Amino acid sequence: MSWMPIGADQWGRRRDSAEGSEIPQHLWMAGLILRTVFIVSLVVVILHVSMPQSETLWTIDDTPSDLVRLILGLAACAWVGTQLFAVPKDLQAFRTWLYLGATAVPFVLLCVVALW
């Protein structure tokens, strides 16, 4: 009798077989494009939302809430922007970005159009 549930040994084999496999070119390209569009659009939305409510950027020191919002927004943009250069390396990551990108990219592009 084992403490593992029935069929649990297949999970490890499936993960090991996916790591050694080659990433198909169409999956790599589609996943990378959708990931890039999503991250860039997310940076645009964060940057637009974090801009100060005053007319110009030079009056940012008038209200402390605008300054805090801008600093937090720029920090979030920097962190999300660094994720743009951390390209996934395995097949499952590209497959995840393909599925996630197909559902999230239209939504974030709609947000960009609505905000602009």
Protein backbone atom coordinates (compact mmCIF):
# COMPACT_ATOMS: atom_id res chain seq x y z
CA MET A 1 0.00 0.00 0.00
CA SER A 2 1.32 3.41 -0.97
CA TRP A 3 0.45 6.85 0.31
CA MET A 4 0.27 8.23 -3.26
CA PRO A 5 -3.12 8.38 -4.96
CA ILE A 6 -3.80 6.11 -7.89
CA GLY A 7 -2.17 7.43 -11.05
CA ALA A 8 0.01 10.01 -9.26
CA ASP A 9 3.17 8.50 -10.72
CA GLN A 10 2.06 9.71 -14.16
CA TRP A 11 2.33 13.35 -13.08
CA GLY A 12 6.09 13.09 -12.59
CA ARG A 13 6.61 11.29 -15.89
CA ARG A 14 4.52 13.83 -17.79
CA ARG A 15 6.51 16.73 -16.31
CA ASP A 16 9.86 15.05 -17.08
CA SER A 17 8.89 14.30 -20.67
CA ALA A 18 7.77 17.92 -21.28
CA GLU A 19 11.08 19.37 -20.09
CA GLY A 20 13.18 17.51 -22.63
CA SER A 21 10.89 18.13 -25.58
CA GLU A 22 11.52 20.76 -28.22
CA ILE A 23 9.16 23.75 -28.38
CA PRO A 24 7.30 23.90 -31.72
CA GLN A 25 8.01 27.07 -33.70
CA HIS A 26 4.35 28.12 -34.02
CA LEU A 27 3.76 27.69 -30.28
CA TRP A 28 6.93 29.63 -29.44
CA MET A 29 6.01 32.51 -31.77
CA ALA A 30 2.34 32.73 -30.74
CA GLY A 31 3.15 32.51 -27.02
CA LEU A 32 5.88 35.12 -27.27
CA ILE A 33 3.75 37.56 -29.28
CA LEU A 34 0.73 37.23 -26.98
CA ARG A 35 2.95 37.57 -23.89
CA THR A 36 4.66 40.67 -25.28
CA VAL A 37 1.38 42.34 -26.28
CA PHE A 38 -0.11 41.59 -22.86
CA ILE A 39 2.84 42.92 -20.88
CA VAL A 40 3.28 46.08 -22.98
CA SER A 41 -0.46 46.81 -22.81
CA LEU A 42 -0.39 46.26 -19.06
CA VAL A 43 2.48 48.75 -18.71
CA VAL A 44 0.50 51.29 -20.78
CA VAL A 45 -2.59 50.86 -18.57
CA ILE A 46 -0.58 51.13 -15.34
CA LEU A 47 1.28 54.20 -16.58
CA HIS A 48 -1.92 55.92 -17.69
CA VAL A 49 -3.71 55.21 -14.40
CA SER A 50 -0.75 56.38 -12.30
CA MET A 51 -0.47 59.76 -13.99
CA PRO A 52 -1.36 62.73 -11.75
CA GLN A 53 -4.86 64.18 -11.87
CA SER A 54 -3.56 67.74 -12.32
CA GLU A 55 -3.10 69.31 -15.73
CA THR A 56 0.67 69.03 -15.95
CA LEU A 57 3.37 66.83 -14.53
CA TRP A 58 5.17 69.86 -13.06
CA THR A 59 2.44 70.42 -10.44
CA ILE A 60 2.87 66.95 -8.96
CA ASP A 61 4.19 68.27 -5.65
CA ASP A 62 0.94 70.16 -4.96
CA THR A 63 -0.89 67.05 -3.76
CA PRO A 64 0.89 64.19 -1.99
CA SER A 65 -1.56 61.59 -3.29
CA ASP A 66 -0.53 62.30 -6.88
CA LEU A 67 3.12 61.91 -5.98
CA VAL A 68 2.53 58.60 -4.20
CA ARG A 69 0.39 57.31 -7.09
CA LEU A 70 3.07 58.25 -9.62
CA ILE A 71 5.87 56.61 -7.61
CA LEU A 72 3.88 53.41 -7.10
CA GLY A 73 2.86 53.38 -10.75
CA LEU A 74 6.42 53.82 -11.96
CA ALA A 75 7.60 51.05 -9.63
CA ALA A 76 4.88 48.72 -10.94
CA CYS A 77 5.77 49.63 -14.55
CA ALA A 78 9.44 48.90 -13.85
CA TRP A 79 8.65 45.51 -12.32
CA VAL A 80 6.24 44.49 -15.09
CA GLY A 81 8.70 45.82 -17.66
CA THR A 82 11.48 43.61 -16.34
CA GLN A 83 9.18 40.61 -16.77
CA LEU A 84 9.17 41.38 -20.48
CA PHE A 85 12.81 40.31 -20.70
CA ALA A 86 12.43 37.12 -18.64
CA VAL A 87 11.45 34.81 -21.50
CA PRO A 88 9.99 31.43 -20.50
CA LYS A 89 12.11 28.41 -21.30
CA ASP A 90 9.84 25.36 -21.28
CA LEU A 91 6.95 24.04 -23.34
CA GLN A 92 4.35 24.35 -20.58
CA ALA A 93 5.12 28.05 -20.03
CA PHE A 94 4.59 28.84 -23.70
CA ARG A 95 1.39 26.81 -23.73
CA THR A 96 0.17 28.70 -20.65
CA TRP A 97 0.95 32.05 -22.29
CA LEU A 98 -0.86 30.94 -25.43
CA TYR A 99 -4.06 30.14 -23.47
CA LEU A 100 -3.74 33.10 -21.10
CA GLY A 101 -2.87 35.49 -23.90
CA ALA A 102 -5.78 34.39 -26.06
CA THR A 103 -8.19 35.32 -23.27
CA ALA A 104 -6.41 38.25 -21.59
CA VAL A 105 -5.03 40.19 -24.57
CA PRO A 106 -8.45 41.22 -25.96
CA PHE A 107 -9.50 42.39 -22.50
CA VAL A 108 -6.37 44.44 -21.83
CA LEU A 109 -6.50 45.95 -25.34
CA LEU A 110 -10.11 46.92 -24.67
CA CYS A 111 -8.95 48.59 -21.46
CA VAL A 112 -6.23 50.48 -23.34
CA VAL A 113 -8.76 51.73 -25.92
CA ALA A 114 -11.28 52.67 -23.22
CA LEU A 115 -8.68 54.58 -21.18
CA TRP A 116 -7.27 56.46 -24.10
